[in-house]
Protein backbone atom coordinates (compact mmCIF):
# COMPACT_ATOMS: atom_id res chain seq x y z
CA UNK A 1 -30.88 -0.63 67.15
CA UNK A 2 -29.67 1.38 64.15
CA UNK A 3 -26.11 0.43 65.10
CA UNK A 4 -26.47 -2.88 63.21
CA UNK A 5 -24.76 -1.95 59.96
CA UNK A 6 -26.12 -3.41 56.70
CA UNK A 7 -22.74 -3.74 54.96
CA UNK A 8 -21.16 -7.21 54.78
CA UNK A 9 -23.46 -8.87 57.34
CA UNK A 10 -21.98 -12.35 56.86
CA UNK A 11 -18.49 -11.10 57.65
CA UNK A 12 -19.75 -9.16 60.66
CA UNK A 13 -21.63 -12.17 62.02
CA UNK A 14 -18.55 -14.37 61.67
CA UNK A 15 -16.27 -11.84 63.39
CA UNK A 16 -18.78 -11.31 66.20
CA UNK A 17 -19.00 -15.08 66.73
CA UNK A 18 -15.22 -15.34 66.99
CA UNK A 19 -15.02 -12.40 69.38
CA UNK A 20 -17.50 -14.02 71.76
CA UNK A 21 -14.72 -16.44 72.68
CA UNK A 22 -12.68 -13.48 73.96
CA UNK A 23 -14.87 -11.69 76.51
CA UNK A 24 -13.98 -8.82 78.81
CA UNK A 25 -12.25 -11.11 81.30
CA UNK A 26 -9.71 -12.10 78.64
CA UNK A 27 -8.87 -8.50 77.77
CA UNK A 28 -8.74 -7.38 81.40
CA UNK A 29 -6.17 -10.07 82.15
CA UNK A 30 -4.04 -9.12 79.14
CA UNK A 31 -4.28 -5.45 80.08
CA UNK A 32 -3.37 -6.13 83.72
CA UNK A 33 -0.33 -8.21 82.76
CA UNK A 34 0.61 -6.07 79.75
CA UNK A 35 0.52 -9.31 77.77
CA UNK A 36 0.06 -9.79 74.03
CA UNK A 37 -3.31 -11.32 73.02
CA UNK A 38 -1.68 -14.09 71.02
CA UNK A 39 -4.67 -16.42 71.23
CA UNK A 40 -6.93 -13.75 69.73
CA UNK A 41 -4.49 -12.98 66.92
CA UNK A 42 -4.11 -16.70 66.20
CA UNK A 43 -7.88 -17.13 65.98
CA UNK A 44 -8.24 -14.18 63.58
CA UNK A 45 -5.38 -15.52 61.46
CA UNK A 46 -6.76 -19.05 61.26
CA UNK A 47 -10.18 -17.66 60.31
CA UNK A 48 -8.54 -15.78 57.41
CA UNK A 49 -9.62 -12.32 58.55
CA UNK A 50 -6.11 -10.85 58.68
CA UNK A 51 -5.45 -12.00 55.10
CA UNK A 52 -8.57 -10.41 53.66
CA UNK A 53 -6.66 -7.78 51.65
CA UNK A 54 -4.08 -10.21 50.26
CA UNK A 55 -5.01 -11.28 46.70
CA UNK A 56 -6.15 -14.85 46.15
CA UNK A 57 -3.08 -15.51 43.98
CA UNK A 58 -0.98 -15.13 47.14
CA UNK A 59 -3.23 -17.12 49.45
CA UNK A 60 -5.50 -14.37 50.74
CA UNK A 61 -9.19 -13.61 50.32
CA UNK A 62 -8.76 -10.80 47.79
CA UNK A 63 -11.40 -8.64 49.46
CA UNK A 64 -11.59 -4.86 49.54
CA UNK A 65 -10.98 -2.25 52.19
CA UNK A 66 -14.72 -2.02 52.82
CA UNK A 67 -14.71 -5.64 54.02
CA UNK A 68 -11.54 -5.05 56.03
CA UNK A 69 -13.15 -2.03 57.69
CA UNK A 70 -16.19 -4.16 58.59
CA UNK A 71 -13.88 -6.70 60.25
CA UNK A 72 -12.07 -4.09 62.35
CA UNK A 73 -15.29 -2.29 63.29
CA UNK A 74 -16.91 -5.51 64.46
CA UNK A 75 -13.84 -6.47 66.53
CA UNK A 76 -14.06 -3.22 68.44
CA UNK A 77 -17.85 -3.23 68.65
CA UNK A 78 -17.54 -6.64 70.33
CA UNK A 79 -15.35 -5.17 73.06
CA UNK A 80 -12.11 -6.58 71.68
CA UNK A 81 -9.15 -4.63 70.32
CA UNK A 82 -7.53 -4.92 66.90
CA UNK A 83 -4.40 -2.99 67.82
CA UNK A 84 -2.46 -6.21 68.27
CA UNK A 85 -2.84 -7.17 64.62
CA UNK A 86 -4.36 -4.43 62.46
CA UNK A 87 -0.97 -3.37 61.05
CA UNK A 88 -0.73 -6.55 58.99
CA UNK A 89 -3.68 -5.42 56.92
CA UNK A 90 -2.08 -2.22 55.70
CA UNK A 91 1.68 -2.86 55.97
CA UNK A 92 1.48 -5.84 53.61
CA UNK A 93 0.18 -3.40 50.99
CA UNK A 94 3.65 -1.92 50.65
CA UNK A 95 4.99 -5.34 49.75
CA UNK A 96 2.08 -6.00 47.39
CA UNK A 97 2.38 -2.69 45.55
CA UNK A 98 6.12 -2.05 45.52
CA UNK A 99 8.08 -5.28 46.03
CA UNK A 100 9.24 -7.41 43.14
CA UNK A 101 7.37 -10.58 42.24
CA UNK A 102 9.91 -12.78 43.96
CA UNK A 103 9.35 -11.07 47.31
CA UNK A 104 5.59 -11.23 46.86
CA UNK A 105 5.71 -14.96 46.19
CA UNK A 106 8.11 -15.50 49.06
CA UNK A 107 6.37 -13.47 51.76
CA UNK A 108 2.68 -12.89 51.04
CA UNK A 109 1.49 -16.54 51.14
CA UNK A 110 3.29 -17.05 54.45
CA UNK A 111 1.82 -13.82 55.83
CA UNK A 112 -1.62 -15.00 54.73
CA UNK A 113 -1.33 -18.28 56.65
CA UNK A 114 0.31 -16.70 59.67
CA UNK A 115 3.56 -18.58 59.17
CA UNK A 116 5.19 -15.15 59.01
CA UNK A 117 3.99 -12.09 60.90
CA UNK A 118 4.39 -8.62 59.40
CA UNK A 119 3.20 -6.41 62.24
CA UNK A 120 6.00 -3.87 62.86
CA UNK A 121 6.30 -0.55 61.06
CA UNK A 122 9.42 1.48 61.90
CA UNK A 123 8.88 5.14 60.97
CA UNK A 124 8.55 7.42 64.02
CA UNK A 125 11.69 8.61 65.80
CA UNK A 126 12.19 10.43 69.13
CA UNK A 127 13.49 13.66 67.56
CA UNK A 128 11.36 13.86 64.43
CA UNK A 129 7.84 13.01 65.62
CA UNK A 130 5.40 13.64 62.79
CA UNK A 131 8.03 15.49 60.71
CA UNK A 132 9.06 12.34 58.89
CA UNK A 133 11.44 14.22 56.57
CA UNK A 134 13.80 14.70 59.53
CA UNK A 135 14.30 11.07 60.49
CA UNK A 136 17.89 10.28 61.41
CA UNK A 137 17.99 6.52 60.91
CA UNK A 138 20.34 5.89 57.99
CA UNK A 139 21.03 3.04 55.62
CA UNK A 140 24.28 3.10 53.64
CA UNK A 141 25.37 0.68 50.98
CA UNK A 142 28.34 -1.49 51.92
CA UNK A 143 29.44 -4.15 49.48
CA UNK A 144 26.46 -6.33 48.63
CA UNK A 145 24.25 -5.08 51.43
CA UNK A 146 23.17 -2.19 53.64
CA UNK A 147 24.31 -1.02 57.06
CA UNK A 148 21.59 0.57 59.21
CA UNK A 149 22.07 2.88 62.19
CA UNK A 150 19.55 4.84 64.20
CA UNK A 151 16.55 4.56 66.48
CA UNK A 152 12.79 4.17 66.17
CA UNK A 153 10.12 4.69 68.82
CA UNK A 154 6.46 3.72 69.27
CA UNK A 155 7.07 0.69 67.08
CA UNK A 156 4.23 -1.50 68.26
CA UNK A 157 4.22 -5.31 68.08
CA UNK A 158 7.95 -5.51 67.29
CA UNK A 159 8.40 -8.29 69.83
CA UNK A 160 5.59 -10.26 68.19
CA UNK A 161 6.57 -9.84 64.55
CA UNK A 162 8.92 -11.70 62.22
CA UNK A 163 9.23 -8.89 59.68
CA UNK A 164 9.39 -5.13 59.91
CA UNK A 165 8.97 -2.41 57.33
CA UNK A 166 11.62 0.22 58.04
CA UNK A 167 11.97 3.75 56.68
CA UNK A 168 15.55 5.03 56.63
CA UNK A 169 17.48 7.81 54.96
CA UNK A 170 19.71 6.68 52.11
CA UNK A 171 20.47 10.27 51.05
CA UNK A 172 21.01 13.07 53.57
CA UNK A 173 18.11 15.51 53.74
CA UNK A 174 20.30 18.42 52.67
CA UNK A 175 21.47 16.51 49.59
CA UNK A 176 18.02 15.43 48.41
CA UNK A 177 16.19 17.41 45.74
CA UNK A 178 13.18 17.67 48.07
CA UNK A 179 12.89 16.95 51.81
CA UNK A 180 10.55 14.01 51.16
CA UNK A 181 13.05 12.35 48.83
CA UNK A 182 16.11 10.36 49.80
CA UNK A 183 14.28 7.97 52.15
CA UNK A 184 14.01 4.28 51.34
CA UNK A 185 11.90 1.39 52.56
CA UNK A 186 13.39 -1.88 53.77
CA UNK A 187 11.81 -5.19 54.71
CA UNK A 188 13.82 -6.44 57.67
CA UNK A 189 13.82 -10.05 58.85
CA UNK A 190 13.80 -9.41 62.59
CA UNK A 191 14.59 -13.04 63.40
CA UNK A 192 18.06 -12.52 61.93
CA UNK A 193 18.48 -8.92 63.08
CA UNK A 194 17.80 -9.20 66.82
CA UNK A 195 21.11 -9.52 68.61
CA UNK A 196 23.05 -8.76 65.43
CA UNK A 197 22.71 -4.99 65.37
CA UNK A 198 19.07 -4.61 66.42
CA UNK A 199 17.87 -4.23 69.99
CA UNK A 200 14.23 -3.98 71.09
CA UNK A 201 13.19 -2.33 74.35
CA UNK A 202 9.56 -2.45 75.54
CA UNK A 203 7.82 0.84 76.40
CA UNK A 204 5.14 0.75 79.06
CA UNK A 205 2.30 3.03 78.06
CA UNK A 206 -1.26 3.96 79.01
CA UNK A 207 -2.66 1.32 76.64
CA UNK A 208 -1.50 -2.25 76.15
CA UNK A 209 -0.32 -2.07 72.54
CA UNK A 210 2.99 -3.91 73.01
CA UNK A 211 4.89 -0.83 71.89
CA UNK A 212 8.68 -0.58 71.82
CA UNK A 213 11.70 1.46 70.91
CA UNK A 214 14.24 -0.07 68.56
CA UNK A 215 17.96 0.62 68.27
CA UNK A 216 20.05 -0.10 65.18
CA UNK A 217 23.82 -0.34 65.61
CA UNK A 218 25.55 -1.30 62.37
CA UNK A 219 22.78 -3.72 61.44
CA UNK A 220 23.80 -5.41 58.21
CA UNK A 221 21.02 -6.53 55.88
CA UNK A 222 21.11 -8.00 52.36
CA UNK A 223 20.78 -5.76 49.32
CA UNK A 224 17.43 -7.26 48.41
CA UNK A 225 15.87 -5.96 51.65
CA UNK A 226 15.24 -2.73 49.74
CA UNK A 227 11.60 -2.42 48.66
CA UNK A 228 11.05 -0.67 45.34
CA UNK A 229 13.33 2.16 44.25
CA UNK A 230 15.93 3.73 46.47
CA UNK A 231 14.86 7.18 47.65
CA UNK A 232 11.12 6.59 47.11
CA UNK A 233 10.30 5.21 50.55
CA UNK A 234 8.31 8.21 51.77
CA UNK A 235 5.96 7.98 48.81
CA UNK A 236 5.53 4.26 49.44
CA UNK A 237 4.40 4.77 53.04
CA UNK A 238 1.96 7.43 51.86
CA UNK A 239 0.33 4.71 49.75
CA UNK A 240 -0.59 2.83 52.88
CA UNK A 241 -1.57 5.76 55.06
CA UNK A 242 -5.03 6.20 53.55
CA UNK A 243 -5.81 2.53 54.15
CA UNK A 244 -4.46 2.80 57.69
CA UNK A 245 -6.59 5.84 58.48
CA UNK A 246 -9.74 4.25 57.10
CA UNK A 247 -9.21 1.05 59.08
CA UNK A 248 -8.46 2.98 62.27
CA UNK A 249 -11.58 5.06 61.65
CA UNK A 250 -13.58 1.83 61.40
CA UNK A 251 -12.13 0.73 64.75
CA UNK A 252 -13.27 4.04 66.23
CA UNK A 253 -16.79 3.46 64.94
CA UNK A 254 -16.75 0.03 66.58
CA UNK A 255 -15.59 1.55 69.86
CA UNK A 256 -18.30 4.22 69.70
CA UNK A 257 -20.98 1.60 69.10
CA UNK A 258 -19.69 -0.43 72.05
CA UNK A 259 -19.82 2.62 74.34
CA UNK A 260 -23.30 3.59 73.18
CA UNK A 261 -24.72 0.11 73.71
CA UNK A 262 -22.98 -0.22 77.07
CA UNK A 263 -24.32 3.17 78.23
CA UNK A 264 -27.82 2.51 76.94
CA UNK A 265 -28.07 -0.87 78.67
CA UNK A 266 -26.74 0.50 81.95
CA UNK A 267 -29.07 3.51 81.80
CA UNK A 268 -32.10 1.25 81.36
CA UNK A 269 -31.09 -1.16 84.13
CA UNK A 270 -29.64 1.19 86.74
CA UNK A 271 -32.22 2.57 89.17
CA UNK A 272 -31.67 5.61 91.37
CA UNK A 273 -34.45 7.47 93.24
CA UNK A 274 -36.85 4.63 92.32
CA UNK A 275 -36.54 5.09 88.56
CA UNK A 276 -34.15 4.03 85.80
CA UNK A 277 -31.54 6.71 85.22
CA UNK A 278 -32.24 6.40 81.48
CA UNK A 279 -35.61 8.02 82.11
CA UNK A 280 -33.81 11.29 82.77
CA UNK A 281 -33.15 13.47 79.75
CA UNK A 282 -29.81 14.40 81.27
CA UNK A 283 -28.80 10.79 80.62
CA UNK A 284 -30.81 10.22 77.44
CA UNK A 285 -29.66 13.22 75.44
CA UNK A 286 -25.87 12.59 75.58
CA UNK A 287 -26.41 8.97 74.50
CA UNK A 288 -28.72 10.04 71.66
CA UNK A 289 -26.26 12.70 70.51
CA UNK A 290 -23.41 10.18 70.45
CA UNK A 291 -25.50 7.80 68.35
CA UNK A 292 -26.24 10.54 65.80
CA UNK A 293 -22.57 11.56 65.68
CA UNK A 294 -21.45 7.96 65.25
CA UNK A 295 -23.88 7.23 62.43
CA UNK A 296 -22.71 10.33 60.55
CA UNK A 297 -19.06 9.39 61.00
CA UNK A 298 -19.78 5.82 59.87
CA UNK A 299 -21.12 7.15 56.56
CA UNK A 300 -17.87 9.03 56.02
CA UNK A 301 -15.85 5.90 56.77
CA UNK A 302 -17.90 3.88 54.29
CA UNK A 303 -17.50 6.56 51.62
CA UNK A 304 -13.74 6.62 52.16
CA UNK A 305 -13.50 2.82 51.91
CA UNK A 306 -15.64 2.73 48.78
CA UNK A 307 -13.51 5.44 47.15
CA UNK A 308 -10.32 3.54 48.05
CA UNK A 309 -11.71 0.30 46.63
CA UNK A 310 -12.80 2.13 43.48
CA UNK A 311 -9.26 3.34 42.88
CA UNK A 312 -10.11 7.00 43.41
CA UNK A 313 -8.16 9.67 45.27
CA UNK A 314 -9.47 9.19 48.81
CA UNK A 315 -7.02 11.38 50.74
CA UNK A 316 -9.64 13.89 51.83
CA UNK A 317 -12.23 11.22 52.68
CA UNK A 318 -9.70 9.09 54.59
CA UNK A 319 -8.56 12.02 56.70
CA UNK A 320 -12.07 13.27 57.41
CA UNK A 321 -13.23 9.74 58.24
CA UNK A 322 -10.45 9.34 60.76
CA UNK A 323 -11.13 12.78 62.27
CA UNK A 324 -14.88 12.31 62.61
CA UNK A 325 -14.72 8.70 63.80
CA UNK A 326 -12.05 9.43 66.41
CA UNK A 327 -14.14 12.33 67.72
CA UNK A 328 -17.27 10.16 67.79
CA UNK A 329 -15.52 7.39 69.73
CA UNK A 330 -13.97 9.78 72.23
CA UNK A 331 -17.25 11.60 72.84
CA UNK A 332 -19.00 8.25 73.28
CA UNK A 333 -16.29 7.08 75.69
CA UNK A 334 -16.67 10.17 77.83
CA UNK A 335 -20.45 9.85 77.76
CA UNK A 336 -20.31 6.17 78.72
CA UNK A 337 -18.01 6.81 81.66
CA UNK A 338 -20.24 9.65 82.82
CA UNK A 339 -23.34 7.47 82.51
CA UNK A 340 -21.77 4.77 84.68
CA UNK A 341 -20.56 7.22 87.29
CA UNK A 342 -18.24 5.61 89.81
CA UNK A 343 -18.79 2.13 88.38
CA UNK A 344 -17.22 3.30 85.12
CA UNK A 345 -13.86 3.32 86.91
CA UNK A 346 -14.19 -0.31 87.97
CA UNK A 347 -12.22 -2.77 85.86
CA UNK A 348 -15.04 -5.30 85.68
CA UNK A 349 -17.22 -3.01 83.54
CA UNK A 350 -14.48 -2.68 80.88
CA UNK A 351 -15.38 0.99 80.39
CA UNK A 352 -12.12 2.35 81.81
CA UNK A 353 -10.06 0.02 79.58
CA UNK A 354 -11.91 0.96 76.43
CA UNK A 355 -11.86 4.61 77.52
CA UNK A 356 -8.06 4.53 77.60
CA UNK A 357 -7.81 2.62 74.35
CA UNK A 358 -10.01 4.94 72.28
CA UNK A 359 -8.26 8.09 73.60
CA UNK A 360 -5.25 7.03 71.57
CA UNK A 361 -6.96 7.83 68.28
CA UNK A 362 -6.92 11.58 68.91
CA UNK A 363 -3.15 11.24 68.54
CA UNK A 364 -2.37 8.16 66.48
CA UNK A 365 -1.76 7.17 63.79
CA UNK A 366 -2.03 10.87 62.99
CA UNK A 367 -3.02 13.71 65.28
CA UNK A 368 -6.25 15.63 64.90
CA UNK A 369 -4.39 18.89 64.28
CA UNK A 370 -2.45 17.43 61.34
CA UNK A 371 -5.68 16.24 59.78
CA UNK A 372 -7.17 19.71 60.15
CA UNK A 373 -4.04 21.17 58.53
CA UNK A 374 -4.41 18.74 55.64
CA UNK A 375 -8.07 19.65 55.12
CA UNK A 376 -7.31 23.37 55.28
CA UNK A 377 -4.49 23.14 52.75
CA UNK A 378 -5.58 20.41 50.36
CA UNK A 379 -9.37 20.66 50.47
CA UNK A 380 -10.01 24.30 51.28
CA UNK A 381 -6.96 25.53 49.32
CA UNK A 382 -5.70 27.69 52.19
CA UNK A 383 -2.04 28.66 52.73
CA UNK A 384 0.22 25.97 54.17
CA UNK A 385 0.58 26.53 57.92
CA UNK A 386 3.95 24.83 58.45
């Protein structure tokens, strides 16, 4: 079928081969028990896929975002889920771009081998939501270190990570020259912090993404935990958001392809009234429409990745790629469930699990409405709506 993408075929074949060792039964068990897919993450790490964006000088593969997107797409197309480990690909970029050389040499090679896990990203808070300028977590200087107080929520993988990137206010919002200033980024060693001012509480949610809320109560960290310049943290996280959106968009394309193939196969095999249900246009047309929508979205994702790798301004492409790919995956999920009818609700078909998983991308890591606001303001040059 047309769903076999021509980009980076060797990488795709290798990822698909690895994913065959983690079939639906594996993911159903993890989902049922709300367990972390540690074996899957270990296999990806040992194969070098999670270090693809780390430069060779620091032990990685030195590949581009286009290759990383191919990896994430293939994971999801194979019926697996990259949510347990995708953060490492884009969070390490903050260390690579903004940390001093000592931190890069200290952390990146260990992240590349899997000796250290950088999977947690502490930004969202219960009261601020997507208005990041109003976060309340604070970091104040005290002697030769920092003291952190506050709370984060929806911090996925915190219980399975050694390091966490944390955004905290170092200057009150009202004292900063602009609302986006006065926030700083810290690299926290969670192995030292847990029980010494940091507490992690799991949050049960609709999807098994090992998400948590984190409380900071006079957590003391060394001065060199600060990444880059004090007060520039918000701009640093923006650096990684385009990469994050492109990679998530690639995951959505993978999900959509999985749903389309699953629906197509079922429609050809399932017989009702002495004929395959796929012979009915009422079944054919939704599947065909989802394929067309997915192929169009995939082109946008590839353009965004190519622009990112070329060093261009890819904000518009990254946002549109995420919007279109998330819509394509959700439409394909709904179509696939409808095609399967009652069997789509049965665990053994994996449709209901993937249906829940891909619904997330209408909301995270950025909601559809915020993307539309961005396009209206920054692409169409319309008045700011908020």
